[in-house]
């Protein structure tokens, strides 16, 4: 059984999920070493299809465009069967609260800051979780405030030290 890397804290029924075809359909193949995990972040390419929000080949690449989290479980055969080869994303203009294992609290990306406080803003970047989850992912890191040009995707609501190693956050691009 695969490890759950992302889940909603808020009610699932209040969220609007949208299935978006992928630029690279092989990312829904569970045998692909770079398979998209639940909680990774995608953005829209110029084609209108989804792609990873940052390049997972290099740690520390920050997302430069608005992005949304993927909401799926590894090995879902219904995704592989669809001709669109896409993923469900939490496509919402509202807010939701979730927890994730796909983050690096210590890393500083660009003018970002380590994740240390409640309500600290977050951004998306490539994080190296090889030691815990076996590879690199598009996950969350601390945002650097006004000096940081990367989009804010949410704010910390519970630090990993107080939440069983999971980072809890609420989405929204506005200051709380």
C-alpha atoms as a PDB file:
ATOM      1  CA  UNK A   1       0.000   0.000   0.000  1.00  0.00           C
ATOM      2  CA  UNK A   2       1.379   3.401  -0.969  1.00  0.00           C
ATOM      3  CA  UNK A   3       1.995   6.053   1.655  1.00  0.00           C
ATOM      4  CA  UNK A   4      -0.489   8.914   1.717  1.00  0.00           C
ATOM      5  CA  UNK A   5       1.440  12.140   1.076  1.00  0.00           C
ATOM      6  CA  UNK A   6      -1.446  14.657   1.057  1.00  0.00           C
ATOM      7  CA  UNK A   7      -4.978  14.935   2.395  1.00  0.00           C
ATOM      8  CA  UNK A   8      -7.599  17.558   3.063  1.00  0.00           C
ATOM      9  CA  UNK A   9      -8.392  18.761   6.553  1.00  0.00           C
ATOM     10  CA  UNK A  10     -11.471  20.670   5.364  1.00  0.00           C
ATOM     11  CA  UNK A  11     -14.572  18.935   4.077  1.00  0.00           C
ATOM     12  CA  UNK A  12     -13.943  17.131   0.772  1.00  0.00           C
ATOM     13  CA  UNK A  13     -17.405  18.018  -0.504  1.00  0.00           C
ATOM     14  CA  UNK A  14     -16.724  21.754  -0.395  1.00  0.00           C
ATOM     15  CA  UNK A  15     -13.856  21.491  -2.868  1.00  0.00           C
ATOM     16  CA  UNK A  16     -14.044  21.823  -6.629  1.00  0.00           C
ATOM     17  CA  UNK A  17     -11.847  19.275  -8.343  1.00  0.00           C
ATOM     18  CA  UNK A  18     -11.044  19.504 -12.025  1.00  0.00           C
ATOM     19  CA  UNK A  19      -9.563  16.795 -14.220  1.00  0.00           C
ATOM     20  CA  UNK A  20      -6.841  18.367 -16.396  1.00  0.00           C
ATOM     21  CA  UNK A  21      -5.035  16.470 -19.184  1.00  0.00           C
ATOM     22  CA  UNK A  22      -1.256  16.293 -18.752  1.00  0.00           C
ATOM     23  CA  UNK A  23       1.421  17.516 -21.154  1.00  0.00           C
ATOM     24  CA  UNK A  24       3.254  14.259 -20.339  1.00  0.00           C
ATOM     25  CA  UNK A  25       0.664  11.489 -19.929  1.00  0.00           C
ATOM     26  CA  UNK A  26       3.272   9.055 -18.612  1.00  0.00           C
ATOM     27  CA  UNK A  27       3.199  10.921 -15.283  1.00  0.00           C
ATOM     28  CA  UNK A  28       0.038   8.967 -14.318  1.00  0.00           C
ATOM     29  CA  UNK A  29       1.748   5.614 -14.947  1.00  0.00           C
ATOM     30  CA  UNK A  30       2.561   4.219 -11.470  1.00  0.00           C
ATOM     31  CA  UNK A  31       5.617   2.410 -12.869  1.00  0.00           C
ATOM     32  CA  UNK A  32       7.136   5.761 -13.912  1.00  0.00           C
ATOM     33  CA  UNK A  33       9.835   6.755 -11.390  1.00  0.00           C
ATOM     34  CA  UNK A  34       8.679  10.396 -11.705  1.00  0.00           C
ATOM     35  CA  UNK A  35       4.969   9.569 -11.199  1.00  0.00           C
ATOM     36  CA  UNK A  36       2.863  12.496  -9.932  1.00  0.00           C
ATOM     37  CA  UNK A  37       1.983  11.943  -6.262  1.00  0.00           C
ATOM     38  CA  UNK A  38      -0.968  13.381  -4.426  1.00  0.00           C
ATOM     39  CA  UNK A  39       0.091  16.746  -3.039  1.00  0.00           C
ATOM     40  CA  UNK A  40       2.505  17.617  -5.836  1.00  0.00           C
ATOM     41  CA  UNK A  41       1.768  20.912  -7.537  1.00  0.00           C
ATOM     42  CA  UNK A  42       0.976  21.490 -11.227  1.00  0.00           C
ATOM     43  CA  UNK A  43       0.501  24.558 -13.359  1.00  0.00           C
ATOM     44  CA  UNK A  44      -0.990  25.132 -16.804  1.00  0.00           C
ATOM     45  CA  UNK A  45       1.254  25.030 -19.857  1.00  0.00           C
ATOM     46  CA  UNK A  46       0.495  27.267 -22.846  1.00  0.00           C
ATOM     47  CA  UNK A  47      -1.398  24.300 -24.334  1.00  0.00           C
ATOM     48  CA  UNK A  48      -3.866  24.406 -21.429  1.00  0.00           C
ATOM     49  CA  UNK A  49      -2.584  21.050 -20.172  1.00  0.00           C
ATOM     50  CA  UNK A  50      -1.082  20.458 -16.741  1.00  0.00           C
ATOM     51  CA  UNK A  51       2.625  20.081 -16.047  1.00  0.00           C
ATOM     52  CA  UNK A  52       4.699  20.048 -12.880  1.00  0.00           C
ATOM     53  CA  UNK A  53       4.957  23.520 -11.386  1.00  0.00           C
ATOM     54  CA  UNK A  54       8.750  23.213 -11.167  1.00  0.00           C
ATOM     55  CA  UNK A  55      11.396  21.032 -12.791  1.00  0.00           C
ATOM     56  CA  UNK A  56      12.060  18.078 -10.475  1.00  0.00           C
ATOM     57  CA  UNK A  57      15.476  17.459 -12.049  1.00  0.00           C
ATOM     58  CA  UNK A  58      17.063  20.148  -9.857  1.00  0.00           C
ATOM     59  CA  UNK A  59      16.351  20.816  -6.189  1.00  0.00           C
ATOM     60  CA  UNK A  60      15.347  24.380  -5.428  1.00  0.00           C
ATOM     61  CA  UNK A  61      13.578  25.284  -8.665  1.00  0.00           C
ATOM     62  CA  UNK A  62      10.725  27.586  -7.621  1.00  0.00           C
ATOM     63  CA  UNK A  63       7.372  27.744  -9.376  1.00  0.00           C
ATOM     64  CA  UNK A  64       6.845  31.029 -11.182  1.00  0.00           C
ATOM     65  CA  UNK A  65       3.175  30.578 -12.138  1.00  0.00           C
ATOM     66  CA  UNK A  66      -0.051  29.975 -10.196  1.00  0.00           C
ATOM     67  CA  UNK A  67      -0.254  26.293  -9.305  1.00  0.00           C
ATOM     68  CA  UNK A  68      -2.659  23.769  -7.799  1.00  0.00           C
ATOM     69  CA  UNK A  69      -2.172  20.561  -5.804  1.00  0.00           C
ATOM     70  CA  UNK A  70      -2.837  17.168  -7.358  1.00  0.00           C
ATOM     71  CA  UNK A  71      -5.463  15.179  -5.442  1.00  0.00           C
ATOM     72  CA  UNK A  72      -4.958  11.485  -6.164  1.00  0.00           C
ATOM     73  CA  UNK A  73      -3.683   8.184  -4.884  1.00  0.00           C
ATOM     74  CA  UNK A  74      -0.780   6.314  -6.482  1.00  0.00           C
ATOM     75  CA  UNK A  75      -1.849   3.556  -8.847  1.00  0.00           C
ATOM     76  CA  UNK A  76      -5.352   4.788  -9.676  1.00  0.00           C
ATOM     77  CA  UNK A  77      -6.128   2.735 -12.766  1.00  0.00           C
ATOM     78  CA  UNK A  78      -8.996   5.021 -13.810  1.00  0.00           C
ATOM     79  CA  UNK A  79      -6.454   7.774 -14.549  1.00  0.00           C
ATOM     80  CA  UNK A  80      -4.376   5.466 -16.719  1.00  0.00           C
ATOM     81  CA  UNK A  81      -7.494   4.332 -18.614  1.00  0.00           C
ATOM     82  CA  UNK A  82      -8.658   7.832 -19.574  1.00  0.00           C
ATOM     83  CA  UNK A  83      -7.561   8.884 -23.025  1.00  0.00           C
ATOM     84  CA  UNK A  84      -6.803  12.396 -21.714  1.00  0.00           C
ATOM     85  CA  UNK A  85      -4.137  11.005 -19.338  1.00  0.00           C
ATOM     86  CA  UNK A  86      -4.729  13.744 -16.807  1.00  0.00           C
ATOM     87  CA  UNK A  87      -4.925  14.373 -13.087  1.00  0.00           C
ATOM     88  CA  UNK A  88      -7.529  15.752 -10.686  1.00  0.00           C
ATOM     89  CA  UNK A  89      -6.452  19.023  -9.090  1.00  0.00           C
ATOM     90  CA  UNK A  90      -8.042  21.064  -6.312  1.00  0.00           C
ATOM     91  CA  UNK A  91      -9.216  23.799  -8.644  1.00  0.00           C
ATOM     92  CA  UNK A  92     -10.879  26.272  -6.352  1.00  0.00           C
ATOM     93  CA  UNK A  93     -11.142  29.984  -5.934  1.00  0.00           C
ATOM     94  CA  UNK A  94     -11.935  29.433  -2.279  1.00  0.00           C
ATOM     95  CA  UNK A  95      -9.745  28.242   0.509  1.00  0.00           C
ATOM     96  CA  UNK A  96      -9.053  24.756   1.783  1.00  0.00           C
ATOM     97  CA  UNK A  97      -6.878  23.382   4.534  1.00  0.00           C
ATOM     98  CA  UNK A  98      -4.709  20.305   3.996  1.00  0.00           C
ATOM     99  CA  UNK A  99      -1.636  18.510   5.295  1.00  0.00           C
ATOM    100  CA  UNK A 100       1.293  17.292   3.252  1.00  0.00           C
ATOM    101  CA  UNK A 101       4.502  15.320   3.532  1.00  0.00           C
ATOM    102  CA  UNK A 102       5.821  16.982   0.351  1.00  0.00           C
ATOM    103  CA  UNK A 103       7.673  19.936   1.859  1.00  0.00           C
ATOM    104  CA  UNK A 104      11.108  20.954   3.110  1.00  0.00           C
ATOM    105  CA  UNK A 105      10.955  23.136   6.217  1.00  0.00           C
ATOM    106  CA  UNK A 106      14.714  23.762   6.326  1.00  0.00           C
ATOM    107  CA  UNK A 107      15.494  24.657   2.714  1.00  0.00           C
ATOM    108  CA  UNK A 108      15.735  28.267   1.521  1.00  0.00           C
ATOM    109  CA  UNK A 109      14.808  28.705  -2.145  1.00  0.00           C
ATOM    110  CA  UNK A 110      15.706  32.051  -3.692  1.00  0.00           C
ATOM    111  CA  UNK A 111      14.754  34.778  -1.241  1.00  0.00           C
ATOM    112  CA  UNK A 112      12.593  32.345   0.729  1.00  0.00           C
ATOM    113  CA  UNK A 113      12.898  31.432   4.382  1.00  0.00           C
ATOM    114  CA  UNK A 114      12.841  28.180   6.358  1.00  0.00           C
ATOM    115  CA  UNK A 115       9.377  27.204   7.615  1.00  0.00           C
ATOM    116  CA  UNK A 116       9.367  28.152  11.300  1.00  0.00           C
ATOM    117  CA  UNK A 117       6.141  29.969  12.227  1.00  0.00           C
ATOM    118  CA  UNK A 118       2.379  29.693  12.059  1.00  0.00           C
ATOM    119  CA  UNK A 119       0.784  31.766   9.237  1.00  0.00           C
ATOM    120  CA  UNK A 120       4.107  31.965   7.393  1.00  0.00           C
ATOM    121  CA  UNK A 121       3.497  32.199   3.626  1.00  0.00           C
ATOM    122  CA  UNK A 122       4.412  29.223   1.423  1.00  0.00           C
ATOM    123  CA  UNK A 123       5.493  28.762  -2.182  1.00  0.00           C
ATOM    124  CA  UNK A 124       6.064  25.773  -4.472  1.00  0.00           C
ATOM    125  CA  UNK A 125       9.544  24.503  -5.351  1.00  0.00           C
ATOM    126  CA  UNK A 126      11.359  21.265  -6.078  1.00  0.00           C
ATOM    127  CA  UNK A 127      12.220  19.554  -2.809  1.00  0.00           C
ATOM    128  CA  UNK A 128      14.612  16.627  -2.394  1.00  0.00           C
ATOM    129  CA  UNK A 129      12.909  14.007  -0.231  1.00  0.00           C
ATOM    130  CA  UNK A 130      15.190  11.153  -1.311  1.00  0.00           C
ATOM    131  CA  UNK A 131      16.050  10.237   2.278  1.00  0.00           C
ATOM    132  CA  UNK A 132      12.397   9.920   3.389  1.00  0.00           C
ATOM    133  CA  UNK A 133      10.250   9.330   0.281  1.00  0.00           C
ATOM    134  CA  UNK A 134      12.821   8.189  -2.276  1.00  0.00           C
ATOM    135  CA  UNK A 135      12.958  11.054  -4.792  1.00  0.00           C
ATOM    136  CA  UNK A 136      12.401  14.741  -5.618  1.00  0.00           C
ATOM    137  CA  UNK A 137       8.905  16.292  -5.702  1.00  0.00           C
ATOM    138  CA  UNK A 138       7.179  19.604  -6.327  1.00  0.00           C
ATOM    139  CA  UNK A 139       6.322  20.563  -2.756  1.00  0.00           C
ATOM    140  CA  UNK A 140       6.132  23.444  -0.328  1.00  0.00           C
ATOM    141  CA  UNK A 141       8.877  25.674   1.055  1.00  0.00           C
ATOM    142  CA  UNK A 142       8.860  28.968   2.950  1.00  0.00           C
ATOM    143  CA  UNK A 143       8.108  32.156   1.017  1.00  0.00           C
ATOM    144  CA  UNK A 144      10.374  35.175   1.474  1.00  0.00           C
ATOM    145  CA  UNK A 145       7.746  37.914   1.697  1.00  0.00           C
ATOM    146  CA  UNK A 146       7.913  41.110  -0.359  1.00  0.00           C
ATOM    147  CA  UNK A 147      11.385  40.305  -1.730  1.00  0.00           C
ATOM    148  CA  UNK A 148      10.152  36.982  -3.162  1.00  0.00           C
ATOM    149  CA  UNK A 149       8.514  37.056  -6.611  1.00  0.00           C
ATOM    150  CA  UNK A 150       7.167  33.485  -6.443  1.00  0.00           C
ATOM    151  CA  UNK A 151       3.380  33.139  -5.991  1.00  0.00           C
ATOM    152  CA  UNK A 152       2.133  32.512  -2.457  1.00  0.00           C
ATOM    153  CA  UNK A 153       0.054  29.313  -2.451  1.00  0.00           C
ATOM    154  CA  UNK A 154      -0.871  29.212   1.220  1.00  0.00           C
ATOM    155  CA  UNK A 155       0.002  29.764   4.862  1.00  0.00           C
ATOM    156  CA  UNK A 156       1.211  27.426   7.615  1.00  0.00           C
ATOM    157  CA  UNK A 157      -1.516  26.446  10.097  1.00  0.00           C
ATOM    158  CA  UNK A 158       0.394  23.725  11.960  1.00  0.00           C
ATOM    159  CA  UNK A 159       4.123  23.076  12.060  1.00  0.00           C
ATOM    160  CA  UNK A 160       5.409  19.538  11.411  1.00  0.00           C
ATOM    161  CA  UNK A 161       6.838  19.271  14.941  1.00  0.00           C
ATOM    162  CA  UNK A 162       3.285  19.616  16.314  1.00  0.00           C
ATOM    163  CA  UNK A 163       1.571  17.509  13.644  1.00  0.00           C
ATOM    164  CA  UNK A 164       3.307  14.129  13.428  1.00  0.00           C
ATOM    165  CA  UNK A 165       5.813  15.341  10.825  1.00  0.00           C
ATOM    166  CA  UNK A 166       3.147  16.703   8.456  1.00  0.00           C
ATOM    167  CA  UNK A 167       2.952  20.342   7.383  1.00  0.00           C
ATOM    168  CA  UNK A 168      -0.586  21.688   7.644  1.00  0.00           C
ATOM    169  CA  UNK A 169      -1.532  24.738   5.589  1.00  0.00           C
ATOM    170  CA  UNK A 170      -4.458  26.785   4.317  1.00  0.00           C
ATOM    171  CA  UNK A 171      -4.546  28.000   0.723  1.00  0.00           C
ATOM    172  CA  UNK A 172      -5.114  31.521  -0.415  1.00  0.00           C
ATOM    173  CA  UNK A 173      -3.035  34.250  -1.971  1.00  0.00           C
ATOM    174  CA  UNK A 174      -4.088  36.931   0.492  1.00  0.00           C
ATOM    175  CA  UNK A 175      -2.617  37.787   3.863  1.00  0.00           C
ATOM    176  CA  UNK A 176      -4.533  36.232   6.765  1.00  0.00           C
END
